[in-house]
Amino acid sequence: MVKKLKFLKLVILLKFIILTSCVTKKDFTNSDLEEIYYYKSQSILLDKFSSTKIKEFISYDYSSQGSRSKSMNKCINYIKSEKLENVDCKIKFVKFTNKIESSIE
């Protein structure tokens, strides 16, 4: 009877470990995203008069156009949500991520 209880506890523990390890990760860091996607782009929010940088937005995607449009959309949505005036969004760069750079080498 004791062996069955120990075995049952072990099975329950293994099921718990397996199920928790299969949960989708939600809090990705930039280094995690670098290893998943192919392209990253950065857009910047600039003041029209002084050309000072207000905020940066980085986006990742499998295509260069997708990462560019996501980055610009983040910037535009920020302008709308904060109701900013006399500001402009510009793309700073579109680059390969570490996933592509490491595969090229």
Protein backbone atom coordinates (compact mmCIF):
# COMPACT_ATOMS: atom_id res chain seq x y z
CA MET A 1 0.00 0.00 0.00
CA VAL A 2 2.85 2.41 0.83
CA LYS A 3 4.51 1.70 -2.51
CA LYS A 4 1.28 2.53 -4.35
CA LEU A 5 0.99 5.85 -2.53
CA LYS A 6 4.60 6.75 -3.34
CA PHE A 7 4.07 5.79 -6.96
CA LEU A 8 0.87 7.81 -7.12
CA LYS A 9 2.61 10.87 -5.63
CA LEU A 10 5.42 10.49 -8.16
CA VAL A 11 2.95 10.28 -11.05
CA ILE A 12 1.07 13.36 -9.84
CA LEU A 13 4.33 15.28 -9.41
CA LEU A 14 5.50 14.32 -12.91
CA LYS A 15 2.18 15.33 -14.45
CA PHE A 16 2.36 18.68 -12.70
CA ILE A 17 5.92 19.30 -13.89
CA ILE A 18 5.11 18.32 -17.46
CA LEU A 19 1.95 20.43 -17.61
CA THR A 20 3.60 23.54 -16.16
CA SER A 21 6.55 23.26 -18.52
CA CYS A 22 4.21 23.11 -21.55
CA VAL A 23 2.45 26.38 -20.72
CA THR A 24 2.97 29.12 -23.30
CA LYS A 25 5.39 31.76 -22.15
CA LYS A 26 3.85 35.23 -22.02
CA ASP A 27 6.58 37.53 -20.74
CA PHE A 28 9.14 37.52 -23.51
CA THR A 29 12.28 39.59 -23.23
CA ASN A 30 13.95 41.19 -26.23
CA SER A 31 16.56 38.42 -26.31
CA ASP A 32 13.77 35.82 -26.46
CA LEU A 33 12.15 37.63 -29.36
CA GLU A 34 15.53 37.87 -31.12
CA GLU A 35 15.65 34.07 -31.22
CA ILE A 36 12.07 33.64 -32.48
CA TYR A 37 11.63 36.21 -35.25
CA TYR A 38 13.70 37.06 -38.35
CA TYR A 39 13.47 40.87 -38.40
CA LYS A 40 13.31 43.68 -35.90
CA SER A 41 12.56 47.31 -36.54
CA GLN A 42 12.64 50.42 -34.45
CA SER A 43 10.56 53.51 -34.88
CA ILE A 44 11.10 56.71 -32.97
CA LEU A 45 8.71 59.45 -31.95
CA LEU A 46 10.20 62.85 -32.72
CA ASP A 47 9.20 66.36 -31.83
CA LYS A 48 8.66 68.20 -35.14
CA PHE A 49 10.22 71.47 -34.00
CA SER A 50 13.27 70.43 -32.02
CA SER A 51 13.79 66.96 -33.57
CA THR A 52 14.32 65.46 -30.13
CA LYS A 53 13.54 61.82 -29.58
CA ILE A 54 10.57 61.32 -27.26
CA LYS A 55 10.08 57.54 -27.30
CA GLU A 56 11.29 54.40 -29.11
CA PHE A 57 9.23 51.45 -30.29
CA ILE A 58 10.74 48.07 -31.24
CA SER A 59 8.80 45.36 -33.05
CA TYR A 60 9.63 41.87 -34.28
CA ASP A 61 8.18 39.85 -37.15
CA TYR A 62 8.97 37.15 -39.67
CA SER A 63 9.04 39.67 -42.53
CA SER A 64 10.78 43.02 -42.79
CA GLN A 65 7.61 44.74 -43.95
CA GLY A 66 5.64 43.22 -41.06
CA SER A 67 8.12 44.40 -38.45
CA ARG A 68 8.21 47.86 -40.01
CA SER A 69 4.42 48.21 -40.05
CA LYS A 70 4.07 46.90 -36.48
CA SER A 71 6.64 49.38 -35.26
CA MET A 72 4.94 52.29 -37.02
CA ASN A 73 1.52 51.17 -35.73
CA LYS A 74 2.85 51.15 -32.17
CA CYS A 75 4.12 54.68 -32.62
CA ILE A 76 0.90 55.94 -34.21
CA ASN A 77 -1.24 54.28 -31.54
CA TYR A 78 0.89 55.92 -28.85
CA ILE A 79 0.30 59.31 -30.44
CA LYS A 80 -3.46 58.67 -30.51
CA SER A 81 -3.62 57.36 -26.95
CA GLU A 82 -1.58 60.23 -25.51
CA LYS A 83 -3.26 62.79 -27.83
CA LEU A 84 0.06 64.29 -28.85
CA GLU A 85 0.47 67.07 -31.39
CA ASN A 86 3.44 68.29 -33.41
CA VAL A 87 5.16 64.92 -33.28
CA ASP A 88 6.21 62.56 -36.04
CA CYS A 89 7.01 58.84 -36.29
CA LYS A 90 10.06 57.71 -38.26
CA ILE A 91 11.62 54.32 -38.86
CA LYS A 92 15.12 54.22 -37.45
CA PHE A 93 16.14 50.78 -38.71
CA VAL A 94 15.03 47.36 -39.90
CA LYS A 95 17.58 44.66 -39.07
CA PHE A 96 18.05 40.93 -39.00
CA THR A 97 17.63 39.35 -35.57
CA ASN A 98 20.15 37.06 -33.90
CA LYS A 99 18.32 34.05 -35.33
CA ILE A 100 19.19 35.08 -38.90
CA GLU A 101 22.66 36.44 -38.10
CA SER A 102 23.71 33.23 -36.38
CA SER A 103 22.36 31.07 -39.22
CA ILE A 104 24.24 33.13 -41.83
CA GLU A 105 27.56 32.57 -40.07
